[in-house]
Amino acid sequence: MKIIKTLFFQSLLLTSVLISFNVYAADQSICNPGANVVLHDNGLLKSCQLKDDYDANNIRCKNGGSVSFYNNGKLESCVLSAEATIAKNKCKQDGLISFYIDGKLKSCMKQDN
């Protein structure tokens, strides 16, 4: 009986830890009213045009620019509102930036040196 109680409480603890790491998924409220909004099959936002600047992955996506997300809610790409340095890569303001599904930088427009 003691083993069952221990396993039960460990599973509760694991569940609470996993819930605290839940990925925040953007919803349609970030999109420009009247803009074309595309959803994934699971109902999460796939892409739209931003009505305001949007912060994700420690970068700021530009209002009026396009934004896209993977079906797990993670940022796929957007237009940068401000320059950003990611993994020693300096990415240009107003340039497109994209990420792999694991959140690592895929590409961006490099700053002119």
Protein backbone atom coordinates (compact mmCIF):
# COMPACT_ATOMS: atom_id res chain seq x y z
CA MET A 1 0.00 0.00 0.00
CA LYS A 2 2.86 2.36 0.77
CA ILE A 3 4.29 1.85 -2.74
CA ILE A 4 0.95 2.75 -4.31
CA LYS A 5 0.72 5.96 -2.24
CA THR A 6 4.30 6.89 -3.16
CA LEU A 7 3.66 6.30 -6.87
CA PHE A 8 0.41 8.25 -6.71
CA PHE A 9 2.05 11.30 -5.11
CA GLN A 10 5.01 11.14 -7.50
CA SER A 11 2.64 11.10 -10.46
CA LEU A 12 0.80 14.12 -9.03
CA LEU A 13 4.09 15.95 -8.62
CA LEU A 14 5.17 15.10 -12.17
CA THR A 15 1.82 16.24 -13.55
CA SER A 16 2.05 19.59 -11.76
CA VAL A 17 5.60 20.12 -13.03
CA LEU A 18 4.59 19.36 -16.61
CA ILE A 19 1.60 21.69 -16.40
CA SER A 20 3.85 24.54 -15.23
CA PHE A 21 5.95 24.14 -18.40
CA ASN A 22 2.96 24.41 -20.71
CA VAL A 23 3.70 26.36 -23.93
CA TYR A 24 1.82 29.61 -24.28
CA ALA A 25 0.06 29.67 -27.64
CA ALA A 26 -0.92 32.97 -29.21
CA ASP A 27 -4.58 33.43 -30.07
CA GLN A 28 -6.40 35.43 -32.72
CA SER A 29 -6.54 38.52 -30.51
CA ILE A 30 -2.99 39.42 -31.64
CA CYS A 31 -4.12 39.65 -35.27
CA ASN A 32 -5.13 42.75 -37.21
CA PRO A 33 -8.95 42.97 -37.34
CA GLY A 34 -10.11 41.96 -40.81
CA ALA A 35 -6.78 40.32 -41.65
CA ASN A 36 -6.63 36.80 -43.01
CA VAL A 37 -6.27 34.45 -40.04
CA VAL A 38 -5.12 30.86 -40.63
CA LEU A 39 -5.53 28.17 -37.97
CA HIS A 40 -3.90 24.77 -37.60
CA ASP A 41 -6.15 21.67 -37.55
CA ASN A 42 -5.89 21.68 -33.74
CA GLY A 43 -7.38 25.22 -33.60
CA LEU A 44 -4.15 27.03 -32.68
CA LEU A 45 -3.11 30.12 -34.62
CA LYS A 46 -0.98 29.33 -37.68
CA SER A 47 -0.51 32.78 -39.21
CA CYS A 48 -1.86 36.31 -39.51
CA GLN A 49 -0.85 39.96 -39.70
CA LEU A 50 -0.07 41.48 -36.29
CA LYS A 51 -2.12 44.41 -34.98
CA ASP A 52 0.51 45.31 -32.32
CA ASP A 53 4.10 44.38 -31.60
CA TYR A 54 4.26 40.84 -30.19
CA ASP A 55 6.95 39.41 -27.89
CA ALA A 56 8.03 35.79 -28.39
CA ASN A 57 11.32 33.86 -28.04
CA ASN A 58 12.88 36.97 -26.44
CA ILE A 59 12.36 38.97 -29.62
CA ARG A 60 9.80 41.55 -30.65
CA CYS A 61 7.74 40.92 -33.78
CA LYS A 62 6.62 44.02 -35.67
CA ASN A 63 3.03 45.23 -35.82
CA GLY A 64 1.60 45.08 -39.33
CA GLY A 65 4.05 42.29 -40.22
CA SER A 66 3.21 38.67 -40.74
CA VAL A 67 3.68 36.10 -37.98
CA SER A 68 3.47 32.32 -38.11
CA PHE A 69 3.46 29.59 -35.48
CA TYR A 70 4.03 25.86 -35.43
CA ASN A 71 1.10 23.62 -34.48
CA ASN A 72 2.49 23.37 -30.93
CA GLY A 73 2.20 27.16 -30.47
CA LYS A 74 5.90 28.00 -30.84
CA LEU A 75 6.95 30.90 -33.04
CA GLU A 76 7.95 29.91 -36.58
CA SER A 77 8.63 33.30 -38.17
CA CYS A 78 7.91 37.02 -38.05
CA VAL A 79 9.26 40.44 -39.04
CA LEU A 80 11.53 41.92 -36.36
CA SER A 81 10.41 45.15 -34.71
CA ALA A 82 13.90 45.76 -33.33
CA GLU A 83 17.31 44.28 -33.97
CA ALA A 84 17.99 41.07 -32.07
CA THR A 85 21.05 38.99 -31.27
CA ILE A 86 20.38 35.28 -31.14
CA ALA A 87 23.16 32.71 -30.72
CA LYS A 88 25.76 35.37 -31.67
CA ASN A 89 23.82 36.23 -34.86
CA LYS A 90 22.86 39.90 -35.16
CA CYS A 91 19.51 40.06 -36.94
CA LYS A 92 18.31 43.20 -38.69
CA GLN A 93 15.30 45.28 -37.66
CA ASP A 94 12.41 45.00 -40.17
CA GLY A 95 13.88 41.71 -41.46
CA LEU A 96 12.27 38.31 -41.46
CA ILE A 97 13.40 35.91 -38.73
CA SER A 98 12.53 32.22 -38.52
CA PHE A 99 13.01 29.43 -36.01
CA TYR A 100 13.05 25.66 -36.03
CA ILE A 101 10.32 23.90 -34.07
CA ASP A 102 12.72 23.46 -31.12
CA GLY A 103 13.13 27.26 -30.89
CA LYS A 104 16.63 27.49 -32.37
CA LEU A 105 17.33 30.17 -34.96
CA LYS A 106 16.76 29.00 -38.52
CA SER A 107 17.45 32.22 -40.42
CA CYS A 108 17.35 35.99 -40.26
CA MET A 109 18.49 39.01 -42.24
CA LYS A 110 21.97 39.88 -40.98
CA GLN A 111 22.86 43.43 -40.07
CA ASP A 112 25.10 45.35 -42.47
CA ASN A 113 28.57 45.73 -40.95
